[in-house]
C-alpha atoms as a PDB file:
ATOM      1  CA  MET A   1      12.746   8.636  -2.992  1.00  0.00           C
ATOM      2  CA  GLU A   2      10.334  11.279  -4.233  1.00  0.00           C
ATOM      3  CA  LEU A   3       6.640  10.473  -4.049  1.00  0.00           C
ATOM      4  CA  LYS A   4       3.547  11.989  -5.420  1.00  0.00           C
ATOM      5  CA  MET A   5      -0.080  11.105  -4.448  1.00  0.00           C
ATOM      6  CA  ALA A   6      -1.243   7.810  -6.087  1.00  0.00           C
ATOM      7  CA  THR A   7      -4.048   5.276  -5.743  1.00  0.00           C
ATOM      8  CA  ALA A   8      -4.519   1.702  -6.756  1.00  0.00           C
ATOM      9  CA  GLY A   9      -7.392  -0.709  -6.137  1.00  0.00           C
ATOM     10  CA  THR A  10     -11.164  -0.533  -5.791  1.00  0.00           C
ATOM     11  CA  MET A  11     -13.822  -0.646  -3.091  1.00  0.00           C
ATOM     12  CA  GLU A  12     -15.261  -3.892  -4.427  1.00  0.00           C
ATOM     13  CA  SER A  13     -15.472  -7.046  -2.330  1.00  0.00           C
ATOM     14  CA  GLY A  14     -12.212  -8.956  -2.122  1.00  0.00           C
ATOM     15  CA  ASP A  15     -10.054  -6.010  -3.052  1.00  0.00           C
ATOM     16  CA  ILE A  16      -8.207  -3.187  -1.332  1.00  0.00           C
ATOM     17  CA  MET A  17      -7.673   0.488  -2.053  1.00  0.00           C
ATOM     18  CA  ILE A  18      -4.181   1.706  -1.453  1.00  0.00           C
ATOM     19  CA  GLN A  19      -3.396   5.445  -1.368  1.00  0.00           C
ATOM     20  CA  LEU A  20       0.193   6.647  -1.061  1.00  0.00           C
ATOM     21  CA  ALA A  21       1.097  10.232  -0.097  1.00  0.00           C
ATOM     22  CA  PRO A  22       4.388  11.963   0.655  1.00  0.00           C
ATOM     23  CA  SER A  23       5.195  12.273   4.321  1.00  0.00           C
ATOM     24  CA  ASP A  24       7.069  14.804   6.349  1.00  0.00           C
ATOM     25  CA  HIS A  25       8.450  12.322   8.837  1.00  0.00           C
ATOM     26  CA  PRO A  26      10.557   9.207   8.398  1.00  0.00           C
ATOM     27  CA  GLY A  27       8.958   5.778   8.210  1.00  0.00           C
ATOM     28  CA  LEU A  28       5.748   4.250   6.861  1.00  0.00           C
ATOM     29  CA  ASP A  29       2.551   5.444   8.558  1.00  0.00           C
ATOM     30  CA  ILE A  30      -0.104   2.929   7.602  1.00  0.00           C
ATOM     31  CA  HIS A  31      -3.725   3.815   8.229  1.00  0.00           C
ATOM     32  CA  LEU A  32      -5.929   0.727   7.815  1.00  0.00           C
ATOM     33  CA  GLN A  33      -9.708   0.650   7.512  1.00  0.00           C
ATOM     34  CA  SER A  34     -11.027  -2.845   7.410  1.00  0.00           C
ATOM     35  CA  SER A  35     -13.888  -4.804   8.897  1.00  0.00           C
ATOM     36  CA  VAL A  36     -11.424  -7.608   9.616  1.00  0.00           C
ATOM     37  CA  ALA A  37      -8.645  -5.431  11.123  1.00  0.00           C
ATOM     38  CA  PHE A  38      -9.125  -7.068  14.568  1.00  0.00           C
ATOM     39  CA  GLN A  39      -8.320 -10.441  13.098  1.00  0.00           C
ATOM     40  CA  PHE A  40      -5.988  -9.689  10.184  1.00  0.00           C
ATOM     41  CA  GLY A  41      -4.850  -6.003  10.643  1.00  0.00           C
ATOM     42  CA  ASP A  42      -1.366  -6.853  11.579  1.00  0.00           C
ATOM     43  CA  GLN A  43      -0.877  -9.199   8.612  1.00  0.00           C
ATOM     44  CA  ILE A  44      -2.295  -6.609   6.184  1.00  0.00           C
ATOM     45  CA  ARG A  45      -0.008  -3.904   7.557  1.00  0.00           C
ATOM     46  CA  GLU A  46       2.982  -6.209   7.291  1.00  0.00           C
ATOM     47  CA  VAL A  47       2.317  -7.136   3.693  1.00  0.00           C
ATOM     48  CA  ILE A  48       1.946  -3.407   2.800  1.00  0.00           C
ATOM     49  CA  ARG A  49       5.215  -2.585   4.765  1.00  0.00           C
ATOM     50  CA  GLU A  50       7.267  -5.428   3.249  1.00  0.00           C
ATOM     51  CA  THR A  51       6.106  -4.611  -0.310  1.00  0.00           C
ATOM     52  CA  LEU A  52       6.935  -0.874   0.008  1.00  0.00           C
ATOM     53  CA  MET A  53      10.334  -1.567   1.696  1.00  0.00           C
ATOM     54  CA  GLY A  54      11.133  -4.024  -1.002  1.00  0.00           C
ATOM     55  CA  LEU A  55      10.501  -1.274  -3.634  1.00  0.00           C
ATOM     56  CA  GLY A  56      12.699   1.192  -1.708  1.00  0.00           C
ATOM     57  CA  ILE A  57       9.946   3.280  -0.278  1.00  0.00           C
ATOM     58  CA  THR A  58      10.704   3.963   3.375  1.00  0.00           C
ATOM     59  CA  LYS A  59       8.880   7.279   3.914  1.00  0.00           C
ATOM     60  CA  ALA A  60       5.195   7.628   3.134  1.00  0.00           C
ATOM     61  CA  GLU A  61       1.622   8.037   4.407  1.00  0.00           C
ATOM     62  CA  VAL A  62      -0.355   4.968   3.403  1.00  0.00           C
ATOM     63  CA  TYR A  63      -4.120   4.802   3.521  1.00  0.00           C
ATOM     64  CA  ALA A  64      -5.558   1.350   3.026  1.00  0.00           C
ATOM     65  CA  THR A  65      -9.220   0.520   2.780  1.00  0.00           C
ATOM     66  CA  ASP A  66      -9.627  -3.245   2.765  1.00  0.00           C
ATOM     67  CA  LYS A  67     -12.656  -5.190   1.515  1.00  0.00           C
ATOM     68  CA  GLY A  68     -11.336  -8.701   2.251  1.00  0.00           C
ATOM     69  CA  ALA A  69      -8.273  -8.816  -0.031  1.00  0.00           C
ATOM     70  CA  LEU A  70      -5.907 -11.731  -0.079  1.00  0.00           C
ATOM     71  CA  ASP A  71      -2.116 -11.144   0.444  1.00  0.00           C
ATOM     72  CA  CYS A  72      -1.454 -11.452  -3.233  1.00  0.00           C
ATOM     73  CA  THR A  73      -3.945  -8.749  -3.976  1.00  0.00           C
ATOM     74  CA  ILE A  74      -2.576  -6.451  -1.270  1.00  0.00           C
ATOM     75  CA  ARG A  75       0.895  -6.857  -2.746  1.00  0.00           C
ATOM     76  CA  ALA A  76      -0.356  -6.109  -6.278  1.00  0.00           C
ATOM     77  CA  ARG A  77      -2.275  -2.998  -5.275  1.00  0.00           C
ATOM     78  CA  THR A  78       0.588  -1.726  -3.114  1.00  0.00           C
ATOM     79  CA  THR A  79       3.031  -2.238  -5.944  1.00  0.00           C
ATOM     80  CA  ALA A  80       0.757  -0.470  -8.499  1.00  0.00           C
ATOM     81  CA  ALA A  81       0.281   2.474  -6.205  1.00  0.00           C
ATOM     82  CA  ALA A  82       4.058   2.594  -5.691  1.00  0.00           C
ATOM     83  CA  VAL A  83       4.756   2.555  -9.411  1.00  0.00           C
ATOM     84  CA  ARG A  84       2.248   5.437  -9.885  1.00  0.00           C
ATOM     85  CA  ALA A  85       3.651   7.450  -6.953  1.00  0.00           C
ATOM     86  CA  THR A  86       7.322   7.177  -8.003  1.00  0.00           C
ATOM     87  CA  GLY A  87       7.201   6.773 -11.781  1.00  0.00           C
ATOM     88  CA  ASN A  88       9.562   3.794 -11.445  1.00  0.00           C
ATOM     89  CA  ASP A  89       8.347   0.786 -13.551  1.00  0.00           C
ATOM     90  CA  VAL A  90       9.346  -2.189 -11.403  1.00  0.00           C
ATOM     91  CA  TRP A  91       8.118  -4.628 -14.034  1.00  0.00           C
ATOM     92  CA  SER A  92      10.663  -3.596 -16.657  1.00  0.00           C
ATOM     93  CA  GLU A  93      13.703  -4.171 -14.418  1.00  0.00           C
END
């Protein structure tokens, strides 16, 4: 799947900013910046990974800056970034 650079989310409290970029190597490379990464980093990465894989994205650089987002917000922001990066509207299917 062809990707272009895309971003979704904000730096506000309770939100997460997700940036997707094309990658030269296979797999999802998730870079997470979060003050709660020690406690919840694995869960945040897994939500991002599951969301992208479910949308058919298996090769990307992902930069996530978390400000205390809940799983539902992480999924929504990841989905929005994926739609912008691919041009595929997942909501119209």
